[in-house]
PDB file of N, CA and C in Angstrom:
ATOM      1  N   UNK A   1      20.044   2.623  -8.178  1.00  0.00           N
ATOM      2  CA  UNK A   1      19.336   1.769  -6.920  1.00  0.00           C
ATOM      3  C   UNK A   1      17.844   1.248  -6.930  1.00  0.00           C
ATOM      4  N   UNK A   2      17.639   0.018  -6.618  1.00  0.00           N
ATOM      5  CA  UNK A   2      15.533  -0.247  -6.777  1.00  0.00           C
ATOM      6  C   UNK A   2      15.600  -0.156  -4.975  1.00  0.00           C
ATOM      7  N   UNK A   3      13.920   0.128  -5.390  1.00  0.00           N
ATOM      8  CA  UNK A   3      13.632   0.917  -4.335  1.00  0.00           C
ATOM      9  C   UNK A   3      13.085  -0.776  -3.823  1.00  0.00           C
ATOM     10  N   UNK A   4      13.272  -0.610  -2.248  1.00  0.00           N
ATOM     11  CA  UNK A   4      12.634  -1.920  -1.599  1.00  0.00           C
ATOM     12  C   UNK A   4      11.876  -1.148  -0.561  1.00  0.00           C
ATOM     13  N   UNK A   5      11.034  -1.861   0.031  1.00  0.00           N
ATOM     14  CA  UNK A   5       9.864  -1.789   0.859  1.00  0.00           C
ATOM     15  C   UNK A   5       9.863  -2.658   1.893  1.00  0.00           C
ATOM     16  N   UNK A   6       9.722  -2.583   3.282  1.00  0.00           N
ATOM     17  CA  UNK A   6      10.349  -3.325   4.549  1.00  0.00           C
ATOM     18  C   UNK A   6       8.471  -3.615   5.666  1.00  0.00           C
ATOM     19  N   UNK A   7       8.003  -4.378   5.450  1.00  0.00           N
ATOM     20  CA  UNK A   7       6.237  -3.957   6.179  1.00  0.00           C
ATOM     21  C   UNK A   7       7.360  -3.740   7.528  1.00  0.00           C
ATOM     22  N   UNK A   8       6.991  -2.688   8.224  1.00  0.00           N
ATOM     23  CA  UNK A   8       6.954  -2.667   9.827  1.00  0.00           C
ATOM     24  C   UNK A   8       5.775  -2.771  10.681  1.00  0.00           C
ATOM     25  N   UNK A   9       6.147  -2.978  11.756  1.00  0.00           N
ATOM     26  CA  UNK A   9       4.418  -3.468  12.415  1.00  0.00           C
ATOM     27  C   UNK A   9       4.890  -2.197  13.727  1.00  0.00           C
ATOM     28  N   UNK A  10       3.343  -1.151  14.069  1.00  0.00           N
ATOM     29  CA  UNK A  10       3.690  -0.848  15.396  1.00  0.00           C
ATOM     30  C   UNK A  10       3.312   0.823  14.452  1.00  0.00           C
ATOM     31  N   UNK A  11       3.934   1.644  15.012  1.00  0.00           N
ATOM     32  CA  UNK A  11       3.893   3.121  14.941  1.00  0.00           C
ATOM     33  C   UNK A  11       4.711   3.345  14.544  1.00  0.00           C
ATOM     34  N   UNK A  12       4.738   3.739  13.167  1.00  0.00           N
ATOM     35  CA  UNK A  12       6.634   4.638  12.920  1.00  0.00           C
ATOM     36  C   UNK A  12       6.987   5.171  13.486  1.00  0.00           C
ATOM     37  N   UNK A  13       7.991   5.749  13.892  1.00  0.00           N
ATOM     38  CA  UNK A  13       9.295   6.292  14.707  1.00  0.00           C
ATOM     39  C   UNK A  13       8.650   8.394  14.776  1.00  0.00           C
ATOM     40  N   UNK A  14       8.575   8.909  15.569  1.00  0.00           N
ATOM     41  CA  UNK A  14       7.891  10.316  15.389  1.00  0.00           C
ATOM     42  C   UNK A  14       9.120  11.518  14.396  1.00  0.00           C
ATOM     43  N   UNK A  15      10.537  10.825  15.655  1.00  0.00           N
ATOM     44  CA  UNK A  15      11.030  11.366  14.978  1.00  0.00           C
ATOM     45  C   UNK A  15      12.382  11.136  14.203  1.00  0.00           C
ATOM     46  N   UNK A  16      11.334  10.221  13.490  1.00  0.00           N
ATOM     47  CA  UNK A  16      12.011  10.166  11.543  1.00  0.00           C
ATOM     48  C   UNK A  16      11.143  10.067  10.716  1.00  0.00           C
ATOM     49  N   UNK A  17      10.148  10.256  10.784  1.00  0.00           N
ATOM     50  CA  UNK A  17       8.889  10.369   9.747  1.00  0.00           C
ATOM     51  C   UNK A  17       8.204  11.563  10.469  1.00  0.00           C
ATOM     52  N   UNK A  18       8.078  12.228   9.481  1.00  0.00           N
ATOM     53  CA  UNK A  18       7.318  13.444   9.695  1.00  0.00           C
ATOM     54  C   UNK A  18       5.894  12.846   8.398  1.00  0.00           C
ATOM     55  N   UNK A  19       4.658  13.745   8.722  1.00  0.00           N
ATOM     56  CA  UNK A  19       3.584  13.734   8.006  1.00  0.00           C
ATOM     57  C   UNK A  19       3.668  14.140   7.049  1.00  0.00           C
ATOM     58  N   UNK A  20       3.929  13.504   5.363  1.00  0.00           N
ATOM     59  CA  UNK A  20       3.515  14.699   4.170  1.00  0.00           C
ATOM     60  C   UNK A  20       5.032  15.481   3.839  1.00  0.00           C
ATOM     61  N   UNK A  21       5.783  14.634   4.232  1.00  0.00           N
ATOM     62  CA  UNK A  21       7.319  15.299   4.297  1.00  0.00           C
ATOM     63  C   UNK A  21       7.915  13.862   4.021  1.00  0.00           C
ATOM     64  N   UNK A  22       8.103  12.823   4.599  1.00  0.00           N
ATOM     65  CA  UNK A  22       8.263  11.883   4.458  1.00  0.00           C
ATOM     66  C   UNK A  22       7.610  10.543   4.891  1.00  0.00           C
ATOM     67  N   UNK A  23       6.229  10.976   5.604  1.00  0.00           N
ATOM     68  CA  UNK A  23       5.346  10.136   5.858  1.00  0.00           C
ATOM     69  C   UNK A  23       4.733   9.914   5.122  1.00  0.00           C
ATOM     70  N   UNK A  24       3.859   9.196   4.494  1.00  0.00           N
ATOM     71  CA  UNK A  24       2.305   9.699   3.680  1.00  0.00           C
ATOM     72  C   UNK A  24       1.247   8.068   4.294  1.00  0.00           C
ATOM     73  N   UNK A  25       0.410   8.724   3.968  1.00  0.00           N
ATOM     74  CA  UNK A  25      -0.823   7.515   4.023  1.00  0.00           C
ATOM     75  C   UNK A  25      -1.865   7.504   3.031  1.00  0.00           C
ATOM     76  N   UNK A  26      -1.833   6.794   2.121  1.00  0.00           N
ATOM     77  CA  UNK A  26      -2.295   6.980   0.784  1.00  0.00           C
ATOM     78  C   UNK A  26      -4.034   6.295   1.292  1.00  0.00           C
ATOM     79  N   UNK A  27      -4.829   7.235   0.443  1.00  0.00           N
ATOM     80  CA  UNK A  27      -6.305   7.070   0.430  1.00  0.00           C
ATOM     81  C   UNK A  27      -6.414   6.349  -0.337  1.00  0.00           C
ATOM     82  N   UNK A  28      -7.925   5.825  -0.388  1.00  0.00           N
ATOM     83  CA  UNK A  28      -8.600   4.751  -1.668  1.00  0.00           C
ATOM     84  C   UNK A  28      -9.621   4.808  -1.766  1.00  0.00           C
ATOM     85  N   UNK A  29     -10.277   3.528  -2.323  1.00  0.00           N
ATOM     86  CA  UNK A  29     -12.188   3.717  -3.181  1.00  0.00           C
ATOM     87  C   UNK A  29     -12.044   4.082  -4.017  1.00  0.00           C
ATOM     88  N   UNK A  30     -11.060   3.041  -5.066  1.00  0.00           N
ATOM     89  CA  UNK A  30     -11.704   3.234  -6.540  1.00  0.00           C
ATOM     90  C   UNK A  30     -12.198   2.783  -6.652  1.00  0.00           C
ATOM     91  N   UNK A  31     -13.339   3.441  -8.319  1.00  0.00           N
ATOM     92  CA  UNK A  31     -14.492   2.889  -8.800  1.00  0.00           C
ATOM     93  C   UNK A  31     -14.560   3.198  -9.878  1.00  0.00           C
ATOM     94  N   UNK A  32     -14.228   2.487 -11.175  1.00  0.00           N
ATOM     95  CA  UNK A  32     -14.327   0.780 -10.588  1.00  0.00           C
ATOM     96  C   UNK A  32     -13.165   0.366 -10.790  1.00  0.00           C
ATOM     97  N   UNK A  33     -12.920  -0.765  -9.929  1.00  0.00           N
ATOM     98  CA  UNK A  33     -11.999  -1.544  -9.962  1.00  0.00           C
ATOM     99  C   UNK A  33     -11.357  -1.895 -10.983  1.00  0.00           C
ATOM    100  N   UNK A  34      -9.565  -0.653 -10.816  1.00  0.00           N
ATOM    101  CA  UNK A  34      -8.569  -1.010 -11.707  1.00  0.00           C
ATOM    102  C   UNK A  34      -7.873  -2.448 -11.441  1.00  0.00           C
ATOM    103  N   UNK A  35      -7.217  -2.732 -12.540  1.00  0.00           N
ATOM    104  CA  UNK A  35      -6.533  -3.588 -12.944  1.00  0.00           C
ATOM    105  C   UNK A  35      -5.129  -3.189 -12.223  1.00  0.00           C
ATOM    106  N   UNK A  36      -4.279  -3.629 -11.746  1.00  0.00           N
ATOM    107  CA  UNK A  36      -2.491  -3.239 -11.397  1.00  0.00           C
ATOM    108  C   UNK A  36      -1.924  -2.173 -11.999  1.00  0.00           C
ATOM    109  N   UNK A  37      -2.353  -2.296 -13.395  1.00  0.00           N
ATOM    110  CA  UNK A  37      -1.477  -1.216 -14.399  1.00  0.00           C
ATOM    111  C   UNK A  37      -2.319  -0.139 -14.192  1.00  0.00           C
ATOM    112  N   UNK A  38      -3.882   0.122 -14.325  1.00  0.00           N
ATOM    113  CA  UNK A  38      -4.380   1.179 -14.096  1.00  0.00           C
ATOM    114  C   UNK A  38      -3.989   1.602 -12.586  1.00  0.00           C
ATOM    115  N   UNK A  39      -3.976   0.953 -11.699  1.00  0.00           N
ATOM    116  CA  UNK A  39      -3.494   1.116 -10.636  1.00  0.00           C
ATOM    117  C   UNK A  39      -2.103   2.041 -10.290  1.00  0.00           C
ATOM    118  N   UNK A  40      -1.380   1.583 -10.659  1.00  0.00           N
ATOM    119  CA  UNK A  40      -0.707   1.952 -11.166  1.00  0.00           C
ATOM    120  C   UNK A  40      -0.507   4.065 -11.654  1.00  0.00           C
ATOM    121  N   UNK A  41      -0.860   3.466 -12.416  1.00  0.00           N
ATOM    122  CA  UNK A  41      -0.969   4.157 -13.548  1.00  0.00           C
ATOM    123  C   UNK A  41      -1.369   5.766 -13.234  1.00  0.00           C
ATOM    124  N   UNK A  42      -2.128   5.748 -11.949  1.00  0.00           N
ATOM    125  CA  UNK A  42      -2.878   6.493 -11.161  1.00  0.00           C
ATOM    126  C   UNK A  42      -2.193   6.916  -9.863  1.00  0.00           C
ATOM    127  N   UNK A  43      -0.414   6.866  -9.593  1.00  0.00           N
ATOM    128  CA  UNK A  43       0.037   7.200  -8.953  1.00  0.00           C
ATOM    129  C   UNK A  43       1.036   7.656  -9.311  1.00  0.00           C
ATOM    130  N   UNK A  44       1.680   9.215  -9.065  1.00  0.00           N
ATOM    131  CA  UNK A  44       2.383  10.053  -9.430  1.00  0.00           C
ATOM    132  C   UNK A  44       3.862   9.067 -10.004  1.00  0.00           C
ATOM    133  N   UNK A  45       4.342   9.637 -10.942  1.00  0.00           N
ATOM    134  CA  UNK A  45       5.531   8.942 -11.453  1.00  0.00           C
ATOM    135  C   UNK A  45       6.425   8.678 -10.251  1.00  0.00           C
ATOM    136  N   UNK A  46       6.721   9.766  -9.813  1.00  0.00           N
ATOM    137  CA  UNK A  46       7.713   9.799  -8.621  1.00  0.00           C
ATOM    138  C   UNK A  46       7.781   8.803  -7.405  1.00  0.00           C
ATOM    139  N   UNK A  47       6.526   8.122  -7.364  1.00  0.00           N
ATOM    140  CA  UNK A  47       5.588   7.535  -6.193  1.00  0.00           C
ATOM    141  C   UNK A  47       5.487   6.066  -6.489  1.00  0.00           C
ATOM    142  N   UNK A  48       6.007   6.019  -7.959  1.00  0.00           N
ATOM    143  CA  UNK A  48       5.558   4.480  -8.957  1.00  0.00           C
ATOM    144  C   UNK A  48       6.665   3.193  -8.215  1.00  0.00           C
ATOM    145  N   UNK A  49       7.763   3.754  -8.300  1.00  0.00           N
ATOM    146  CA  UNK A  49       8.953   2.808  -7.458  1.00  0.00           C
ATOM    147  C   UNK A  49       8.505   2.234  -6.286  1.00  0.00           C
ATOM    148  N   UNK A  50       8.066   3.336  -5.375  1.00  0.00           N
ATOM    149  CA  UNK A  50       7.499   3.001  -3.721  1.00  0.00           C
ATOM    150  C   UNK A  50       6.153   1.990  -3.995  1.00  0.00           C
ATOM    151  N   UNK A  51       5.107   2.198  -5.067  1.00  0.00           N
ATOM    152  CA  UNK A  51       4.443   0.703  -5.154  1.00  0.00           C
ATOM    153  C   UNK A  51       4.930  -0.191  -5.226  1.00  0.00           C
ATOM    154  N   UNK A  52       5.527  -0.118  -6.364  1.00  0.00           N
ATOM    155  CA  UNK A  52       6.075  -1.466  -7.301  1.00  0.00           C
ATOM    156  C   UNK A  52       7.397  -2.105  -6.044  1.00  0.00           C
ATOM    157  N   UNK A  53       7.812  -1.610  -5.038  1.00  0.00           N
ATOM    158  CA  UNK A  53       8.374  -2.048  -3.921  1.00  0.00           C
ATOM    159  C   UNK A  53       7.471  -2.342  -3.028  1.00  0.00           C
ATOM    160  N   UNK A  54       6.513  -1.866  -2.670  1.00  0.00           N
ATOM    161  CA  UNK A  54       5.514  -2.477  -1.127  1.00  0.00           C
ATOM    162  C   UNK A  54       4.762  -3.931  -1.820  1.00  0.00           C
ATOM    163  N   UNK A  55       4.289  -3.374  -3.578  1.00  0.00           N
ATOM    164  CA  UNK A  55       3.865  -4.983  -3.949  1.00  0.00           C
ATOM    165  C   UNK A  55       4.333  -6.431  -3.571  1.00  0.00           C
ATOM    166  N   UNK A  56       5.915  -6.356  -4.002  1.00  0.00           N
ATOM    167  CA  UNK A  56       7.036  -6.921  -3.849  1.00  0.00           C
ATOM    168  C   UNK A  56       6.720  -7.774  -2.477  1.00  0.00           C
ATOM    169  N   UNK A  57       6.891  -6.796  -1.505  1.00  0.00           N
ATOM    170  CA  UNK A  57       6.514  -6.976  -0.238  1.00  0.00           C
ATOM    171  C   UNK A  57       5.511  -7.963  -0.242  1.00  0.00           C
ATOM    172  N   UNK A  58       4.774  -7.402  -0.770  1.00  0.00           N
ATOM    173  CA  UNK A  58       2.823  -8.166   0.140  1.00  0.00           C
ATOM    174  C   UNK A  58       2.932  -9.140  -0.838  1.00  0.00           C
ATOM    175  N   UNK A  59       3.531  -9.602  -1.543  1.00  0.00           N
ATOM    176  CA  UNK A  59       3.519 -10.308  -2.403  1.00  0.00           C
ATOM    177  C   UNK A  59       4.107 -11.149  -1.330  1.00  0.00           C
ATOM    178  N   UNK A  60       5.396 -11.057  -0.909  1.00  0.00           N
ATOM    179  CA  UNK A  60       6.713 -12.156   0.232  1.00  0.00           C
ATOM    180  C   UNK A  60       6.157 -12.643   0.946  1.00  0.00           C
ATOM    181  N   UNK A  61       5.191 -11.168   1.750  1.00  0.00           N
ATOM    182  CA  UNK A  61       5.056 -11.373   3.235  1.00  0.00           C
ATOM    183  C   UNK A  61       3.314 -12.983   3.157  1.00  0.00           C
ATOM    184  N   UNK A  62       2.438 -13.227   1.734  1.00  0.00           N
ATOM    185  CA  UNK A  62       1.774 -13.674   1.378  1.00  0.00           C
ATOM    186  C   UNK A  62       0.355 -12.763   2.384  1.00  0.00           C
ATOM    187  N   UNK A  63       0.314 -11.728   1.628  1.00  0.00           N
ATOM    188  CA  UNK A  63      -0.567 -10.804   2.389  1.00  0.00           C
ATOM    189  C   UNK A  63      -1.666 -10.854   1.864  1.00  0.00           C
ATOM    190  N   UNK A  64      -1.513 -11.599   0.282  1.00  0.00           N
ATOM    191  CA  UNK A  64      -2.636 -11.240  -0.996  1.00  0.00           C
ATOM    192  C   UNK A  64      -4.389 -11.382  -0.569  1.00  0.00           C
ATOM    193  N   UNK A  65      -4.356 -12.442   0.438  1.00  0.00           N
ATOM    194  CA  UNK A  65      -5.907 -12.480   1.426  1.00  0.00           C
ATOM    195  C   UNK A  65      -6.102 -11.734   2.588  1.00  0.00           C
ATOM    196  N   UNK A  66      -5.477 -10.790   2.899  1.00  0.00           N
ATOM    197  CA  UNK A  66      -5.421 -10.088   3.962  1.00  0.00           C
ATOM    198  C   UNK A  66      -6.164  -9.126   3.901  1.00  0.00           C
ATOM    199  N   UNK A  67      -7.234  -8.601   4.981  1.00  0.00           N
ATOM    200  CA  UNK A  67      -8.142  -7.961   4.457  1.00  0.00           C
ATOM    201  C   UNK A  67      -7.822  -6.181   5.472  1.00  0.00           C
ATOM    202  N   UNK A  68      -8.499  -5.309   4.921  1.00  0.00           N
ATOM    203  CA  UNK A  68      -7.903  -4.128   5.678  1.00  0.00           C
ATOM    204  C   UNK A  68      -7.471  -4.097   7.202  1.00  0.00           C
ATOM    205  N   UNK A  69      -9.191  -4.489   7.575  1.00  0.00           N
ATOM    206  CA  UNK A  69      -9.567  -4.848   8.923  1.00  0.00           C
ATOM    207  C   UNK A  69      -8.568  -5.624   9.891  1.00  0.00           C
ATOM    208  N   UNK A  70      -7.878  -6.462   9.104  1.00  0.00           N
ATOM    209  CA  UNK A  70      -6.552  -7.321   9.668  1.00  0.00           C
ATOM    210  C   UNK A  70      -5.528  -6.667   9.658  1.00  0.00           C
ATOM    211  N   UNK A  71      -5.312  -6.259   9.318  1.00  0.00           N
ATOM    212  CA  UNK A  71      -3.727  -5.424   9.041  1.00  0.00           C
ATOM    213  C   UNK A  71      -3.530  -3.554   8.483  1.00  0.00           C
ATOM    214  N   UNK A  72      -4.646  -2.849   8.855  1.00  0.00           N
ATOM    215  CA  UNK A  72      -4.079  -1.700   8.658  1.00  0.00           C
ATOM    216  C   UNK A  72      -3.922  -0.998   9.021  1.00  0.00           C
ATOM    217  N   UNK A  73      -4.229  -1.158  10.331  1.00  0.00           N
ATOM    218  CA  UNK A  73      -4.084  -0.363  12.139  1.00  0.00           C
ATOM    219  C   UNK A  73      -3.292  -1.212  12.382  1.00  0.00           C
ATOM    220  N   UNK A  74      -2.080  -2.308  11.701  1.00  0.00           N
ATOM    221  CA  UNK A  74      -0.675  -2.203  12.426  1.00  0.00           C
ATOM    222  C   UNK A  74       0.481  -2.274  11.548  1.00  0.00           C
ATOM    223  N   UNK A  75       0.380  -1.693  10.406  1.00  0.00           N
ATOM    224  CA  UNK A  75       1.267  -1.525   9.316  1.00  0.00           C
ATOM    225  C   UNK A  75       1.816  -0.742   8.986  1.00  0.00           C
ATOM    226  N   UNK A  76       2.599  -0.711   8.214  1.00  0.00           N
ATOM    227  CA  UNK A  76       3.379   0.355   7.575  1.00  0.00           C
ATOM    228  C   UNK A  76       4.659  -0.044   6.496  1.00  0.00           C
ATOM    229  N   UNK A  77       4.799   0.629   5.080  1.00  0.00           N
ATOM    230  CA  UNK A  77       5.830   0.337   4.645  1.00  0.00           C
ATOM    231  C   UNK A  77       7.017   1.305   4.883  1.00  0.00           C
ATOM    232  N   UNK A  78       8.148   0.866   4.980  1.00  0.00           N
ATOM    233  CA  UNK A  78       9.765   1.137   5.188  1.00  0.00           C
ATOM    234  C   UNK A  78      10.022   1.198   3.728  1.00  0.00           C
ATOM    235  N   UNK A  79      10.713   2.209   3.213  1.00  0.00           N
ATOM    236  CA  UNK A  79      10.569   2.123   2.053  1.00  0.00           C
ATOM    237  C   UNK A  79      12.252   2.715   2.134  1.00  0.00           C
ATOM    238  N   UNK A  80      13.107   2.158   1.265  1.00  0.00           N
ATOM    239  CA  UNK A  80      14.585   2.242   1.203  1.00  0.00           C
ATOM    240  C   UNK A  80      15.048   3.647   0.590  1.00  0.00           C
ATOM    241  N   UNK A  81      14.027   4.962   0.192  1.00  0.00           N
ATOM    242  CA  UNK A  81      15.080   6.479  -0.276  1.00  0.00           C
ATOM    243  C   UNK A  81      14.518   7.127   1.527  1.00  0.00           C
ATOM    244  N   UNK A  82      14.079   6.437   1.820  1.00  0.00           N
ATOM    245  CA  UNK A  82      13.648   6.915   3.236  1.00  0.00           C
ATOM    246  C   UNK A  82      12.374   7.700   3.845  1.00  0.00           C
ATOM    247  N   UNK A  83      10.789   6.890   2.618  1.00  0.00           N
ATOM    248  CA  UNK A  83       9.980   7.483   2.578  1.00  0.00           C
ATOM    249  C   UNK A  83       9.353   6.303   3.755  1.00  0.00           C
ATOM    250  N   UNK A  84       8.417   6.676   4.312  1.00  0.00           N
ATOM    251  CA  UNK A  84       7.443   5.887   4.739  1.00  0.00           C
ATOM    252  C   UNK A  84       5.828   5.866   4.177  1.00  0.00           C
ATOM    253  N   UNK A  85       5.294   4.536   3.723  1.00  0.00           N
ATOM    254  CA  UNK A  85       3.889   5.349   3.199  1.00  0.00           C
ATOM    255  C   UNK A  85       2.872   3.689   4.497  1.00  0.00           C
ATOM    256  N   UNK A  86       1.604   4.108   4.988  1.00  0.00           N
ATOM    257  CA  UNK A  86       0.860   3.785   4.861  1.00  0.00           C
ATOM    258  C   UNK A  86      -0.819   3.729   4.636  1.00  0.00           C
ATOM    259  N   UNK A  87      -1.433   2.547   4.405  1.00  0.00           N
ATOM    260  CA  UNK A  87      -2.628   2.825   3.535  1.00  0.00           C
ATOM    261  C   UNK A  87      -3.721   2.791   4.427  1.00  0.00           C
ATOM    262  N   UNK A  88      -4.859   3.676   4.001  1.00  0.00           N
ATOM    263  CA  UNK A  88      -5.850   3.016   5.078  1.00  0.00           C
ATOM    264  C   UNK A  88      -7.184   2.355   4.293  1.00  0.00           C
ATOM    265  N   UNK A  89      -7.953   2.012   4.328  1.00  0.00           N
ATOM    266  CA  UNK A  89      -8.461   0.693   5.290  1.00  0.00           C
ATOM    267  C   UNK A  89      -8.760   0.425   3.068  1.00  0.00           C
ATOM    268  N   UNK A  90      -9.352   1.853   2.694  1.00  0.00           N
ATOM    269  CA  UNK A  90     -10.190   1.401   1.033  1.00  0.00           C
ATOM    270  C   UNK A  90      -8.706   1.291   0.481  1.00  0.00           C
ATOM    271  N   UNK A  91      -8.110   1.715   0.608  1.00  0.00           N
ATOM    272  CA  UNK A  91      -7.007   2.262  -0.142  1.00  0.00           C
ATOM    273  C   UNK A  91      -5.946   0.707   0.085  1.00  0.00           C
ATOM    274  N   UNK A  92      -5.706  -0.242   1.252  1.00  0.00           N
ATOM    275  CA  UNK A  92      -5.790  -1.177   1.191  1.00  0.00           C
ATOM    276  C   UNK A  92      -6.264  -2.162   0.414  1.00  0.00           C
ATOM    277  N   UNK A  93      -7.942  -2.076   0.223  1.00  0.00           N
ATOM    278  CA  UNK A  93      -8.131  -2.814  -0.480  1.00  0.00           C
ATOM    279  C   UNK A  93      -7.780  -2.473  -2.124  1.00  0.00           C
ATOM    280  N   UNK A  94      -7.830  -1.041  -2.667  1.00  0.00           N
ATOM    281  CA  UNK A  94      -7.218  -1.290  -4.027  1.00  0.00           C
ATOM    282  C   UNK A  94      -6.142  -1.684  -4.218  1.00  0.00           C
ATOM    283  N   UNK A  95      -5.306  -1.673  -2.998  1.00  0.00           N
ATOM    284  CA  UNK A  95      -4.234  -2.122  -3.847  1.00  0.00           C
ATOM    285  C   UNK A  95      -3.795  -3.375  -4.141  1.00  0.00           C
ATOM    286  N   UNK A  96      -4.743  -4.587  -2.864  1.00  0.00           N
ATOM    287  CA  UNK A  96      -4.363  -5.744  -2.731  1.00  0.00           C
ATOM    288  C   UNK A  96      -5.396  -5.907  -4.224  1.00  0.00           C
ATOM    289  N   UNK A  97      -6.319  -5.600  -4.208  1.00  0.00           N
ATOM    290  CA  UNK A  97      -7.982  -6.484  -5.126  1.00  0.00           C
ATOM    291  C   UNK A  97      -6.676  -6.103  -6.092  1.00  0.00           C
ATOM    292  N   UNK A  98      -5.755  -4.953  -7.174  1.00  0.00           N
ATOM    293  CA  UNK A  98      -5.043  -4.932  -8.206  1.00  0.00           C
ATOM    294  C   UNK A  98      -4.240  -5.437  -8.202  1.00  0.00           C
ATOM    295  N   UNK A  99      -3.431  -5.739  -7.572  1.00  0.00           N
ATOM    296  CA  UNK A  99      -2.341  -7.290  -7.088  1.00  0.00           C
ATOM    297  C   UNK A  99      -3.087  -8.708  -8.022  1.00  0.00           C
ATOM    298  N   UNK A 100      -4.175  -8.790  -6.813  1.00  0.00           N
ATOM    299  CA  UNK A 100      -5.268  -9.782  -7.521  1.00  0.00           C
ATOM    300  C   UNK A 100      -5.691 -10.017  -9.599  1.00  0.00           C
ATOM    301  N   UNK A 101      -5.775  -8.849  -9.478  1.00  0.00           N
ATOM    302  CA  UNK A 101      -6.123  -8.125 -11.277  1.00  0.00           C
ATOM    303  C   UNK A 101      -7.919  -8.742 -10.957  1.00  0.00           C
ATOM    304  N   UNK A 102      -8.087  -9.196 -10.415  1.00  0.00           N
ATOM    305  CA  UNK A 102      -9.319  -9.891 -10.935  1.00  0.00           C
ATOM    306  C   UNK A 102     -10.995  -8.890 -10.672  1.00  0.00           C
ATOM    307  N   UNK A 103     -10.042  -7.516 -10.547  1.00  0.00           N
ATOM    308  CA  UNK A 103     -11.391  -6.522 -10.754  1.00  0.00           C
ATOM    309  C   UNK A 103     -12.314  -6.934  -9.280  1.00  0.00           C
ATOM    310  N   UNK A 104     -12.165  -7.194  -8.176  1.00  0.00           N
ATOM    311  CA  UNK A 104     -12.986  -7.223  -7.332  1.00  0.00           C
ATOM    312  C   UNK A 104     -12.899  -6.332  -6.725  1.00  0.00           C
ATOM    313  N   UNK A 105     -12.060  -5.431  -6.129  1.00  0.00           N
ATOM    314  CA  UNK A 105     -13.387  -3.777  -5.776  1.00  0.00           C
ATOM    315  C   UNK A 105     -12.459  -3.782  -4.522  1.00  0.00           C
ATOM    316  N   UNK A 106     -12.421  -3.105  -4.163  1.00  0.00           N
ATOM    317  CA  UNK A 106     -11.791  -2.664  -2.531  1.00  0.00           C
ATOM    318  C   UNK A 106     -12.593  -3.115  -1.578  1.00  0.00           C
ATOM    319  N   UNK A 107     -13.736  -3.292  -1.853  1.00  0.00           N
ATOM    320  CA  UNK A 107     -14.825  -3.742  -0.379  1.00  0.00           C
ATOM    321  C   UNK A 107     -14.658  -5.192  -0.057  1.00  0.00           C
ATOM    322  N   UNK A 108     -14.041  -6.100  -1.103  1.00  0.00           N
ATOM    323  CA  UNK A 108     -13.651  -7.106  -0.951  1.00  0.00           C
ATOM    324  C   UNK A 108     -12.306  -7.532   0.182  1.00  0.00           C
ATOM    325  N   UNK A 109     -11.506  -6.391   0.171  1.00  0.00           N
ATOM    326  CA  UNK A 109     -10.757  -6.471   1.099  1.00  0.00           C
ATOM    327  C   UNK A 109     -10.464  -5.216   2.262  1.00  0.00           C
ATOM    328  N   UNK A 110     -11.877  -5.395   2.360  1.00  0.00           N
ATOM    329  CA  UNK A 110     -11.818  -4.098   3.531  1.00  0.00           C
ATOM    330  C   UNK A 110     -12.138  -4.781   5.224  1.00  0.00           C
ATOM    331  N   UNK A 111     -12.948  -4.991   5.147  1.00  0.00           N
ATOM    332  CA  UNK A 111     -13.314  -5.704   5.973  1.00  0.00           C
ATOM    333  C   UNK A 111     -13.712  -7.437   6.285  1.00  0.00           C
ATOM    334  N   UNK A 112     -13.416  -8.582   6.829  1.00  0.00           N
ATOM    335  CA  UNK A 112     -13.845 -10.083   6.602  1.00  0.00           C
ATOM    336  C   UNK A 112     -14.411 -10.300   8.446  1.00  0.00           C
TER     337      UNK A 112
END
């Protein structure tokens, strides 16, 4: 079964998600700025399908120009395997700049 990610707004339900069990916060601040393949290779193998699903959701929602301060405090990703992931501001910048694959660095998507 292919992993799917859905963008959710607000706080994850506490009765469904437990920190570090099935709810994870991705931290960031990678230097130098990685390509998407380099970014993905930094992720544990068992979570790479999560990142690929999140990438697809981000692209479909046209969020590739959205800065962390505009979105990170308000969204998280629900994954089809029952896990959820949120991104810190730096991690959002890492993700977006790697998807864009221009090696802009996380600060390009930190604050606008």
